[in-house]
PDB file of N, CA and C in Angstrom:
ATOM      1  N   MET A   1      -2.651  14.656  16.928  1.00  0.00           N
ATOM      2  CA  MET A   1      -2.105  13.412  16.404  1.00  0.00           C
ATOM      3  C   MET A   1      -1.209  12.602  17.243  1.00  0.00           C
ATOM      4  N   SER A   2      -1.303  11.432  17.483  1.00  0.00           N
ATOM      5  CA  SER A   2      -0.895  10.826  18.620  1.00  0.00           C
ATOM      6  C   SER A   2       1.177  10.872  18.246  1.00  0.00           C
ATOM      7  N   ALA A   3       1.588  10.228  19.130  1.00  0.00           N
ATOM      8  CA  ALA A   3       3.130  10.013  19.357  1.00  0.00           C
ATOM      9  C   ALA A   3       3.558   9.270  18.455  1.00  0.00           C
ATOM     10  N   GLU A   4       2.688   8.278  18.330  1.00  0.00           N
ATOM     11  CA  GLU A   4       3.346   7.275  17.319  1.00  0.00           C
ATOM     12  C   GLU A   4       3.309   7.868  15.714  1.00  0.00           C
ATOM     13  N   SER A   5       2.152   8.624  15.328  1.00  0.00           N
ATOM     14  CA  SER A   5       1.886   9.219  14.087  1.00  0.00           C
ATOM     15  C   SER A   5       3.173  10.107  14.059  1.00  0.00           C
ATOM     16  N   ALA A   6       3.643  10.921  14.876  1.00  0.00           N
ATOM     17  CA  ALA A   6       4.688  11.926  14.819  1.00  0.00           C
ATOM     18  C   ALA A   6       5.920  10.862  14.668  1.00  0.00           C
ATOM     19  N   LEU A   7       5.910  10.329  15.273  1.00  0.00           N
ATOM     20  CA  LEU A   7       7.383   9.349  15.223  1.00  0.00           C
ATOM     21  C   LEU A   7       7.652   8.980  13.806  1.00  0.00           C
ATOM     22  N   ASN A   8       6.637   8.475  12.945  1.00  0.00           N
ATOM     23  CA  ASN A   8       6.338   7.987  11.868  1.00  0.00           C
ATOM     24  C   ASN A   8       6.836   9.169  10.660  1.00  0.00           C
ATOM     25  N   ILE A   9       6.279  10.508  11.028  1.00  0.00           N
ATOM     26  CA  ILE A   9       6.828  11.291  10.313  1.00  0.00           C
ATOM     27  C   ILE A   9       8.022  11.611  10.027  1.00  0.00           C
ATOM     28  N   ILE A  10       8.335  11.577  11.373  1.00  0.00           N
ATOM     29  CA  ILE A  10      10.117  12.470  11.589  1.00  0.00           C
ATOM     30  C   ILE A  10      10.928  11.047  10.651  1.00  0.00           C
ATOM     31  N   GLU A  11      10.076   9.674  11.210  1.00  0.00           N
ATOM     32  CA  GLU A  11      11.178   8.335  10.745  1.00  0.00           C
ATOM     33  C   GLU A  11      11.024   8.711   9.495  1.00  0.00           C
ATOM     34  N   THR A  12      10.268   8.912   8.761  1.00  0.00           N
ATOM     35  CA  THR A  12       9.856   9.164   6.876  1.00  0.00           C
ATOM     36  C   THR A  12      10.023  10.230   6.576  1.00  0.00           C
ATOM     37  N   LYS A  13      10.500  11.629   7.248  1.00  0.00           N
ATOM     38  CA  LYS A  13      11.013  12.342   6.722  1.00  0.00           C
ATOM     39  C   LYS A  13      12.722  12.453   6.362  1.00  0.00           C
ATOM     40  N   ASP A  14      13.420  11.638   7.409  1.00  0.00           N
ATOM     41  CA  ASP A  14      14.535  11.228   7.665  1.00  0.00           C
ATOM     42  C   ASP A  14      14.646  10.358   6.680  1.00  0.00           C
ATOM     43  N   VAL A  15      14.423   9.329   6.574  1.00  0.00           N
ATOM     44  CA  VAL A  15      14.653   8.318   5.465  1.00  0.00           C
ATOM     45  C   VAL A  15      14.199   8.984   4.121  1.00  0.00           C
ATOM     46  N   GLU A  16      13.417  10.247   3.928  1.00  0.00           N
ATOM     47  CA  GLU A  16      13.515  10.661   2.058  1.00  0.00           C
ATOM     48  C   GLU A  16      14.401  11.554   1.890  1.00  0.00           C
ATOM     49  N   ILE A  17      15.002  12.600   3.140  1.00  0.00           N
ATOM     50  CA  ILE A  17      16.316  13.099   3.159  1.00  0.00           C
ATOM     51  C   ILE A  17      17.694  12.730   2.361  1.00  0.00           C
ATOM     52  N   LYS A  18      17.664  11.455   3.449  1.00  0.00           N
ATOM     53  CA  LYS A  18      18.773  10.418   3.548  1.00  0.00           C
ATOM     54  C   LYS A  18      18.725   9.691   2.052  1.00  0.00           C
ATOM     55  N   ALA A  19      17.460   9.165   1.597  1.00  0.00           N
ATOM     56  CA  ALA A  19      17.321   8.812   0.185  1.00  0.00           C
ATOM     57  C   ALA A  19      17.397   9.816  -0.960  1.00  0.00           C
ATOM     58  N   LEU A  20      17.026  10.680  -0.925  1.00  0.00           N
ATOM     59  CA  LEU A  20      17.229  11.553  -1.734  1.00  0.00           C
ATOM     60  C   LEU A  20      18.677  12.217  -2.099  1.00  0.00           C
ATOM     61  N   SER A  21      19.331  12.142  -0.638  1.00  0.00           N
ATOM     62  CA  SER A  21      21.066  12.608  -0.838  1.00  0.00           C
ATOM     63  C   SER A  21      21.998  11.550  -1.808  1.00  0.00           C
ATOM     64  N   ILE A  22      21.452  10.508  -1.136  1.00  0.00           N
ATOM     65  CA  ILE A  22      22.143   9.095  -2.197  1.00  0.00           C
ATOM     66  C   ILE A  22      21.943   9.068  -3.239  1.00  0.00           C
ATOM     67  N   VAL A  23      20.688   9.168  -3.945  1.00  0.00           N
ATOM     68  CA  VAL A  23      20.446   9.452  -5.200  1.00  0.00           C
ATOM     69  C   VAL A  23      21.220  10.618  -5.528  1.00  0.00           C
ATOM     70  N   ASP A  24      21.285  11.451  -5.550  1.00  0.00           N
ATOM     71  CA  ASP A  24      21.966  12.417  -5.626  1.00  0.00           C
ATOM     72  C   ASP A  24      23.452  12.434  -5.873  1.00  0.00           C
ATOM     73  N   GLU A  25      23.972  11.744  -5.091  1.00  0.00           N
ATOM     74  CA  GLU A  25      25.289  11.430  -4.975  1.00  0.00           C
ATOM     75  C   GLU A  25      25.415  10.303  -5.993  1.00  0.00           C
ATOM     76  N   ALA A  26      24.433   9.523  -6.208  1.00  0.00           N
ATOM     77  CA  ALA A  26      24.815   8.026  -7.000  1.00  0.00           C
ATOM     78  C   ALA A  26      24.978   8.445  -8.747  1.00  0.00           C
ATOM     79  N   ARG A  27      23.964   9.961  -8.951  1.00  0.00           N
ATOM     80  CA  ARG A  27      24.167  10.208 -10.299  1.00  0.00           C
ATOM     81  C   ARG A  27      25.107  11.077 -10.657  1.00  0.00           C
ATOM     82  N   SER A  28      26.293  11.108  -9.770  1.00  0.00           N
ATOM     83  CA  SER A  28      27.291  11.685 -10.372  1.00  0.00           C
ATOM     84  C   SER A  28      28.642  10.525  -9.891  1.00  0.00           C
ATOM     85  N   VAL A  29      28.063   9.309 -10.236  1.00  0.00           N
ATOM     86  CA  VAL A  29      29.227   8.591 -10.258  1.00  0.00           C
ATOM     87  C   VAL A  29      29.982   7.792 -11.402  1.00  0.00           C
ATOM     88  N   VAL A  30      31.115   7.918 -11.634  1.00  0.00           N
ATOM     89  CA  VAL A  30      31.490   7.183 -13.205  1.00  0.00           C
ATOM     90  C   VAL A  30      32.423   6.422 -12.811  1.00  0.00           C
ATOM     91  N   VAL A  31      32.621   5.731 -13.802  1.00  0.00           N
ATOM     92  CA  VAL A  31      33.684   4.677 -13.501  1.00  0.00           C
ATOM     93  C   VAL A  31      34.718   4.692 -14.343  1.00  0.00           C
ATOM     94  N   SER A  32      35.795   4.887 -14.057  1.00  0.00           N
ATOM     95  CA  SER A  32      37.316   5.132 -14.848  1.00  0.00           C
ATOM     96  C   SER A  32      38.344   3.998 -14.946  1.00  0.00           C
ATOM     97  N   ASP A  33      37.988   3.974 -13.472  1.00  0.00           N
ATOM     98  CA  ASP A  33      39.501   3.057 -13.242  1.00  0.00           C
ATOM     99  C   ASP A  33      38.969   2.564 -11.823  1.00  0.00           C
ATOM    100  N   ALA A  34      40.076   1.885 -11.255  1.00  0.00           N
ATOM    101  CA  ALA A  34      39.955   0.832  -9.799  1.00  0.00           C
ATOM    102  C   ALA A  34      39.448   1.908  -9.012  1.00  0.00           C
ATOM    103  N   GLU A  35      40.038   2.836  -8.881  1.00  0.00           N
ATOM    104  CA  GLU A  35      39.828   3.370  -7.500  1.00  0.00           C
ATOM    105  C   GLU A  35      37.889   3.890  -7.856  1.00  0.00           C
ATOM    106  N   THR A  36      37.605   4.600  -8.763  1.00  0.00           N
ATOM    107  CA  THR A  36      36.416   4.924  -9.193  1.00  0.00           C
ATOM    108  C   THR A  36      35.560   3.659  -8.924  1.00  0.00           C
ATOM    109  N   TYR A  37      35.680   2.763  -9.439  1.00  0.00           N
ATOM    110  CA  TYR A  37      34.908   1.421  -9.600  1.00  0.00           C
ATOM    111  C   TYR A  37      35.301   1.105  -8.260  1.00  0.00           C
ATOM    112  N   THR A  38      35.982   0.987  -7.015  1.00  0.00           N
ATOM    113  CA  THR A  38      35.551   0.771  -5.693  1.00  0.00           C
ATOM    114  C   THR A  38      34.713   1.459  -5.364  1.00  0.00           C
ATOM    115  N   ALA A  39      34.994   2.918  -5.535  1.00  0.00           N
ATOM    116  CA  ALA A  39      33.521   4.142  -5.090  1.00  0.00           C
ATOM    117  C   ALA A  39      32.430   3.634  -5.334  1.00  0.00           C
ATOM    118  N   ALA A  40      32.037   3.209  -6.802  1.00  0.00           N
ATOM    119  CA  ALA A  40      31.025   2.483  -7.131  1.00  0.00           C
ATOM    120  C   ALA A  40      30.201   1.409  -6.428  1.00  0.00           C
ATOM    121  N   GLY A  41      30.825   0.902  -6.238  1.00  0.00           N
ATOM    122  CA  GLY A  41      30.709  -0.478  -5.325  1.00  0.00           C
ATOM    123  C   GLY A  41      30.253  -0.182  -4.171  1.00  0.00           C
ATOM    124  N   ALA A  42      30.907   0.543  -3.321  1.00  0.00           N
ATOM    125  CA  ALA A  42      30.571   1.464  -2.083  1.00  0.00           C
ATOM    126  C   ALA A  42      28.898   2.137  -2.332  1.00  0.00           C
ATOM    127  N   MET A  43      29.132   2.795  -3.362  1.00  0.00           N
ATOM    128  CA  MET A  43      27.978   3.690  -3.439  1.00  0.00           C
ATOM    129  C   MET A  43      26.752   2.658  -3.814  1.00  0.00           C
ATOM    130  N   TRP A  44      27.166   1.475  -4.634  1.00  0.00           N
ATOM    131  CA  TRP A  44      26.049   0.739  -4.755  1.00  0.00           C
ATOM    132  C   TRP A  44      25.176  -0.306  -3.376  1.00  0.00           C
ATOM    133  N   LYS A  45      26.448  -0.512  -2.500  1.00  0.00           N
ATOM    134  CA  LYS A  45      26.000  -1.210  -1.224  1.00  0.00           C
ATOM    135  C   LYS A  45      25.248  -0.022  -0.113  1.00  0.00           C
ATOM    136  N   ALA A  46      25.330   1.419  -0.186  1.00  0.00           N
ATOM    137  CA  ALA A  46      24.710   1.995   0.235  1.00  0.00           C
ATOM    138  C   ALA A  46      23.694   2.346  -0.200  1.00  0.00           C
ATOM    139  N   ILE A  47      23.088   2.406  -1.692  1.00  0.00           N
ATOM    140  CA  ILE A  47      21.960   2.396  -2.165  1.00  0.00           C
ATOM    141  C   ILE A  47      20.923   1.169  -1.712  1.00  0.00           C
ATOM    142  N   ARG A  48      21.741  -0.318  -1.484  1.00  0.00           N
ATOM    143  CA  ARG A  48      21.531  -1.362  -1.010  1.00  0.00           C
ATOM    144  C   ARG A  48      20.742  -0.847   0.260  1.00  0.00           C
ATOM    145  N   ASP A  49      21.863  -0.761   1.424  1.00  0.00           N
ATOM    146  CA  ASP A  49      21.757  -0.858   2.421  1.00  0.00           C
ATOM    147  C   ASP A  49      20.589   0.734   2.614  1.00  0.00           C
ATOM    148  N   MET A  50      20.182   1.722   2.194  1.00  0.00           N
ATOM    149  CA  MET A  50      19.331   2.988   1.980  1.00  0.00           C
ATOM    150  C   MET A  50      17.829   1.713   1.892  1.00  0.00           C
ATOM    151  N   MET A  51      17.618   1.112   0.880  1.00  0.00           N
ATOM    152  CA  MET A  51      16.490   0.191   0.326  1.00  0.00           C
ATOM    153  C   MET A  51      16.265  -0.508   1.636  1.00  0.00           C
ATOM    154  N   LYS A  52      16.811  -0.690   2.284  1.00  0.00           N
ATOM    155  CA  LYS A  52      16.372  -1.934   3.134  1.00  0.00           C
ATOM    156  C   LYS A  52      15.783  -0.963   4.568  1.00  0.00           C
ATOM    157  N   GLU A  53      16.936   0.053   4.328  1.00  0.00           N
ATOM    158  CA  GLU A  53      16.336   0.759   5.575  1.00  0.00           C
ATOM    159  C   GLU A  53      14.314   1.377   5.361  1.00  0.00           C
ATOM    160  N   ILE A  54      14.579   1.380   4.191  1.00  0.00           N
ATOM    161  CA  ILE A  54      12.944   2.211   3.128  1.00  0.00           C
ATOM    162  C   ILE A  54      12.124   1.010   3.907  1.00  0.00           C
ATOM    163  N   ASP A  55      12.599  -0.357   3.635  1.00  0.00           N
ATOM    164  CA  ASP A  55      11.231  -1.338   3.967  1.00  0.00           C
ATOM    165  C   ASP A  55      11.395  -1.421   5.454  1.00  0.00           C
ATOM    166  N   ASP A  56      12.293  -1.226   6.125  1.00  0.00           N
ATOM    167  CA  ASP A  56      11.916  -1.282   7.461  1.00  0.00           C
ATOM    168  C   ASP A  56      11.379   0.121   8.138  1.00  0.00           C
ATOM    169  N   THR A  57      11.160   0.631   7.314  1.00  0.00           N
ATOM    170  CA  THR A  57      10.307   2.227   7.796  1.00  0.00           C
ATOM    171  C   THR A  57       9.269   1.925   7.601  1.00  0.00           C
ATOM    172  N   PHE A  58       8.723   1.587   6.023  1.00  0.00           N
ATOM    173  CA  PHE A  58       7.439   1.716   5.554  1.00  0.00           C
ATOM    174  C   PHE A  58       6.814   0.187   5.782  1.00  0.00           C
ATOM    175  N   ASN A  59       7.565  -0.416   5.897  1.00  0.00           N
ATOM    176  CA  ASN A  59       6.429  -1.898   5.779  1.00  0.00           C
ATOM    177  C   ASN A  59       5.970  -2.119   7.123  1.00  0.00           C
ATOM    178  N   PRO A  60       6.415  -1.785   8.362  1.00  0.00           N
ATOM    179  CA  PRO A  60       5.266  -1.315   9.368  1.00  0.00           C
ATOM    180  C   PRO A  60       4.276  -1.009   9.111  1.00  0.00           C
ATOM    181  N   ILE A  61       4.660   0.642   8.613  1.00  0.00           N
ATOM    182  CA  ILE A  61       3.320   0.854   8.266  1.00  0.00           C
ATOM    183  C   ILE A  61       2.503   0.401   7.330  1.00  0.00           C
ATOM    184  N   ILE A  62       2.487   0.215   6.480  1.00  0.00           N
ATOM    185  CA  ILE A  62       2.255  -0.384   4.990  1.00  0.00           C
ATOM    186  C   ILE A  62       1.432  -1.705   5.713  1.00  0.00           C
ATOM    187  N   ASP A  63       1.755  -2.659   6.599  1.00  0.00           N
ATOM    188  CA  ASP A  63       0.884  -3.688   7.609  1.00  0.00           C
ATOM    189  C   ASP A  63      -0.036  -3.111   7.833  1.00  0.00           C
ATOM    190  N   ARG A  64       0.369  -2.220   8.786  1.00  0.00           N
ATOM    191  CA  ARG A  64      -1.332  -1.249   9.648  1.00  0.00           C
ATOM    192  C   ARG A  64      -2.190  -1.007   8.836  1.00  0.00           C
ATOM    193  N   ALA A  65      -1.561  -0.500   7.822  1.00  0.00           N
ATOM    194  CA  ALA A  65      -2.830   0.087   6.650  1.00  0.00           C
ATOM    195  C   ALA A  65      -3.704  -1.361   6.587  1.00  0.00           C
ATOM    196  N   HIS A  66      -3.019  -2.058   5.950  1.00  0.00           N
ATOM    197  CA  HIS A  66      -3.604  -2.888   4.905  1.00  0.00           C
ATOM    198  C   HIS A  66      -4.264  -3.710   6.512  1.00  0.00           C
ATOM    199  N   LYS A  67      -4.045  -4.489   7.677  1.00  0.00           N
ATOM    200  CA  LYS A  67      -4.764  -4.988   8.778  1.00  0.00           C
ATOM    201  C   LYS A  67      -5.575  -3.420   9.051  1.00  0.00           C
ATOM    202  N   ASP A  68      -5.658  -2.584   8.811  1.00  0.00           N
ATOM    203  CA  ASP A  68      -6.895  -1.593   9.120  1.00  0.00           C
ATOM    204  C   ASP A  68      -7.691  -1.921   7.979  1.00  0.00           C
ATOM    205  N   HIS A  69      -7.327  -1.647   6.477  1.00  0.00           N
ATOM    206  CA  HIS A  69      -8.016  -2.190   5.505  1.00  0.00           C
ATOM    207  C   HIS A  69      -8.811  -3.460   5.506  1.00  0.00           C
ATOM    208  N   LYS A  70      -8.191  -4.618   5.828  1.00  0.00           N
ATOM    209  CA  LYS A  70      -8.981  -6.048   6.168  1.00  0.00           C
ATOM    210  C   LYS A  70     -10.067  -6.077   7.258  1.00  0.00           C
ATOM    211  N   GLU A  71      -9.851  -4.909   8.230  1.00  0.00           N
ATOM    212  CA  GLU A  71     -11.139  -4.615   8.904  1.00  0.00           C
ATOM    213  C   GLU A  71     -12.077  -3.591   8.764  1.00  0.00           C
ATOM    214  N   ALA A  72     -11.647  -2.497   8.223  1.00  0.00           N
ATOM    215  CA  ALA A  72     -12.882  -1.704   7.469  1.00  0.00           C
ATOM    216  C   ALA A  72     -13.713  -2.999   6.820  1.00  0.00           C
ATOM    217  N   LEU A  73     -12.749  -3.497   5.627  1.00  0.00           N
ATOM    218  CA  LEU A  73     -13.750  -4.356   4.848  1.00  0.00           C
ATOM    219  C   LEU A  73     -14.671  -5.286   4.987  1.00  0.00           C
ATOM    220  N   ASN A  74     -14.046  -6.076   6.612  1.00  0.00           N
ATOM    221  CA  ASN A  74     -15.023  -7.060   7.119  1.00  0.00           C
ATOM    222  C   ASN A  74     -16.132  -6.495   8.152  1.00  0.00           C
ATOM    223  N   GLN A  75     -15.975  -5.108   8.115  1.00  0.00           N
ATOM    224  CA  GLN A  75     -16.811  -4.515   9.327  1.00  0.00           C
ATOM    225  C   GLN A  75     -18.455  -4.089   7.737  1.00  0.00           C
ATOM    226  N   LYS A  76     -17.616  -3.549   7.085  1.00  0.00           N
ATOM    227  CA  LYS A  76     -18.137  -3.062   5.788  1.00  0.00           C
ATOM    228  C   LYS A  76     -19.230  -4.091   5.544  1.00  0.00           C
ATOM    229  N   LYS A  77     -18.847  -5.324   5.391  1.00  0.00           N
ATOM    230  CA  LYS A  77     -19.658  -6.873   4.793  1.00  0.00           C
ATOM    231  C   LYS A  77     -20.493  -7.035   6.059  1.00  0.00           C
ATOM    232  N   LYS A  78     -20.399  -7.047   7.316  1.00  0.00           N
ATOM    233  CA  LYS A  78     -21.415  -6.892   8.023  1.00  0.00           C
ATOM    234  C   LYS A  78     -22.629  -6.370   7.761  1.00  0.00           C
ATOM    235  N   PHE A  79     -22.232  -5.674   7.397  1.00  0.00           N
ATOM    236  CA  PHE A  79     -23.716  -4.807   7.201  1.00  0.00           C
ATOM    237  C   PHE A  79     -24.322  -4.611   5.313  1.00  0.00           C
ATOM    238  N   TYR A  80     -23.253  -4.841   4.556  1.00  0.00           N
ATOM    239  CA  TYR A  80     -23.600  -4.686   3.016  1.00  0.00           C
ATOM    240  C   TYR A  80     -24.255  -6.293   2.783  1.00  0.00           C
ATOM    241  N   ASP A  81     -23.460  -7.142   3.412  1.00  0.00           N
ATOM    242  CA  ASP A  81     -23.958  -8.406   2.767  1.00  0.00           C
ATOM    243  C   ASP A  81     -25.560  -8.469   3.230  1.00  0.00           C
ATOM    244  N   PRO A  82     -25.953  -8.309   3.836  1.00  0.00           N
ATOM    245  CA  PRO A  82     -27.445  -8.872   4.237  1.00  0.00           C
ATOM    246  C   PRO A  82     -28.348  -8.001   3.164  1.00  0.00           C
ATOM    247  N   LEU A  83     -28.042  -6.485   3.114  1.00  0.00           N
ATOM    248  CA  LEU A  83     -28.443  -5.690   2.177  1.00  0.00           C
ATOM    249  C   LEU A  83     -28.409  -6.029   1.141  1.00  0.00           C
ATOM    250  N   ASP A  84     -27.362  -7.087   0.390  1.00  0.00           N
ATOM    251  CA  ASP A  84     -27.090  -7.883  -0.863  1.00  0.00           C
ATOM    252  C   ASP A  84     -28.030  -8.822  -0.973  1.00  0.00           C
ATOM    253  N   GLN A  85     -28.192  -9.690   0.127  1.00  0.00           N
ATOM    254  CA  GLN A  85     -28.896 -10.894   0.038  1.00  0.00           C
ATOM    255  C   GLN A  85     -30.560 -10.420  -0.367  1.00  0.00           C
ATOM    256  N   ALA A  86     -30.654  -9.210   0.474  1.00  0.00           N
ATOM    257  CA  ALA A  86     -32.467  -8.837   0.600  1.00  0.00           C
ATOM    258  C   ALA A  86     -32.521  -8.537  -0.536  1.00  0.00           C
ATOM    259  N   SER A  87     -31.966  -7.331  -1.728  1.00  0.00           N
ATOM    260  CA  SER A  87     -32.254  -7.210  -2.628  1.00  0.00           C
ATOM    261  C   SER A  87     -31.762  -8.300  -3.562  1.00  0.00           C
ATOM    262  N   ARG A  88     -31.657  -9.138  -3.944  1.00  0.00           N
ATOM    263  CA  ARG A  88     -31.243 -10.014  -4.262  1.00  0.00           C
ATOM    264  C   ARG A  88     -32.769 -11.131  -4.653  1.00  0.00           C
ATOM    265  N   ASN A  89     -32.781 -11.265  -3.430  1.00  0.00           N
ATOM    266  CA  ASN A  89     -34.371 -11.607  -2.914  1.00  0.00           C
ATOM    267  C   ASN A  89     -35.526 -10.815  -3.860  1.00  0.00           C
ATOM    268  N   ILE A  90     -35.436  -9.813  -3.228  1.00  0.00           N
ATOM    269  CA  ILE A  90     -36.627  -8.665  -3.924  1.00  0.00           C
ATOM    270  C   ILE A  90     -36.577  -8.736  -5.613  1.00  0.00           C
ATOM    271  N   LYS A  91     -35.188  -8.929  -5.758  1.00  0.00           N
ATOM    272  CA  LYS A  91     -35.205  -8.967  -7.586  1.00  0.00           C
ATOM    273  C   LYS A  91     -35.691 -10.126  -8.076  1.00  0.00           C
ATOM    274  N   ARG A  92     -35.638 -11.103  -6.942  1.00  0.00           N
ATOM    275  CA  ARG A  92     -36.160 -12.935  -7.607  1.00  0.00           C
ATOM    276  C   ARG A  92     -37.481 -12.393  -7.706  1.00  0.00           C
ATOM    277  N   ILE A  93     -38.325 -12.103  -6.374  1.00  0.00           N
ATOM    278  CA  ILE A  93     -39.768 -12.025  -6.552  1.00  0.00           C
ATOM    279  C   ILE A  93     -40.168 -11.543  -7.409  1.00  0.00           C
ATOM    280  N   MET A  94     -39.606 -10.155  -7.456  1.00  0.00           N
ATOM    281  CA  MET A  94     -39.998  -9.102  -8.930  1.00  0.00           C
ATOM    282  C   MET A  94     -40.401  -9.838 -10.235  1.00  0.00           C
ATOM    283  N   SER A  95     -38.683 -10.490 -10.455  1.00  0.00           N
ATOM    284  CA  SER A  95     -38.811 -11.413 -11.747  1.00  0.00           C
ATOM    285  C   SER A  95     -40.043 -12.951 -11.693  1.00  0.00           C
ATOM    286  N   ASP A  96     -40.116 -13.450 -10.720  1.00  0.00           N
ATOM    287  CA  ASP A  96     -41.008 -13.967 -10.605  1.00  0.00           C
ATOM    288  C   ASP A  96     -42.380 -13.654 -10.819  1.00  0.00           C
ATOM    289  N   TYR A  97     -42.818 -12.723 -10.247  1.00  0.00           N
ATOM    290  CA  TYR A  97     -44.378 -11.534 -10.727  1.00  0.00           C
ATOM    291  C   TYR A  97     -43.921 -11.441 -12.326  1.00  0.00           C
ATOM    292  N   ASP A  98     -43.128 -10.882 -12.908  1.00  0.00           N
ATOM    293  CA  ASP A  98     -43.362 -10.611 -13.929  1.00  0.00           C
ATOM    294  C   ASP A  98     -42.945 -11.833 -14.780  1.00  0.00           C
ATOM    295  N   MET A  99     -42.725 -12.955 -14.603  1.00  0.00           N
ATOM    296  CA  MET A  99     -43.095 -14.222 -15.201  1.00  0.00           C
ATOM    297  C   MET A  99     -44.011 -14.721 -15.357  1.00  0.00           C
ATOM    298  N   GLU A 100     -44.630 -14.700 -14.266  1.00  0.00           N
ATOM    299  CA  GLU A 100     -46.261 -15.305 -13.753  1.00  0.00           C
ATOM    300  C   GLU A 100     -47.189 -14.102 -14.997  1.00  0.00           C
ATOM    301  N   GLN A 101     -46.692 -13.346 -14.741  1.00  0.00           N
ATOM    302  CA  GLN A 101     -47.827 -12.140 -15.491  1.00  0.00           C
ATOM    303  C   GLN A 101     -47.537 -12.053 -16.902  1.00  0.00           C
ATOM    304  N   ASP A 102     -46.070 -12.396 -17.674  1.00  0.00           N
ATOM    305  CA  ASP A 102     -46.317 -12.572 -19.065  1.00  0.00           C
ATOM    306  C   ASP A 102     -46.624 -14.172 -19.474  1.00  0.00           C
ATOM    307  N   ARG A 103     -46.862 -15.284 -18.220  1.00  0.00           N
ATOM    308  CA  ARG A 103     -47.312 -16.102 -18.522  1.00  0.00           C
ATOM    309  C   ARG A 103     -48.970 -16.479 -18.742  1.00  0.00           C
ATOM    310  N   LEU A 104     -49.371 -15.116 -17.839  1.00  0.00           N
ATOM    311  CA  LEU A 104     -50.941 -15.229 -17.856  1.00  0.00           C
ATOM    312  C   LEU A 104     -51.613 -14.335 -19.358  1.00  0.00           C
ATOM    313  N   ARG A 105     -50.739 -13.500 -19.577  1.00  0.00           N
ATOM    314  CA  ARG A 105     -50.708 -13.045 -21.226  1.00  0.00           C
ATOM    315  C   ARG A 105     -51.177 -14.101 -21.947  1.00  0.00           C
TER     316      ARG A 105
END
């Protein structure tokens, strides 16, 4: 495991713990007066901040995976497309033969 992978695991675990903690706190929010309304507003801000932190943590991982996925597709395409074209050519040749045999009958 690379140092970068280990760091990603630590960062994502930290985000997971914080996010779950905020979700647990949010479940207990009740607004019944001005004070609890203010507390709910602070919780709302904490949730939005946590969502931003999640984006900041996971978007680079997602972007790298997307880039790797596109590269893998390009590598596959280099080998797959010529075979696909060869397959189509063979099928066309076979179909031409079948049509000629039908015509001769």
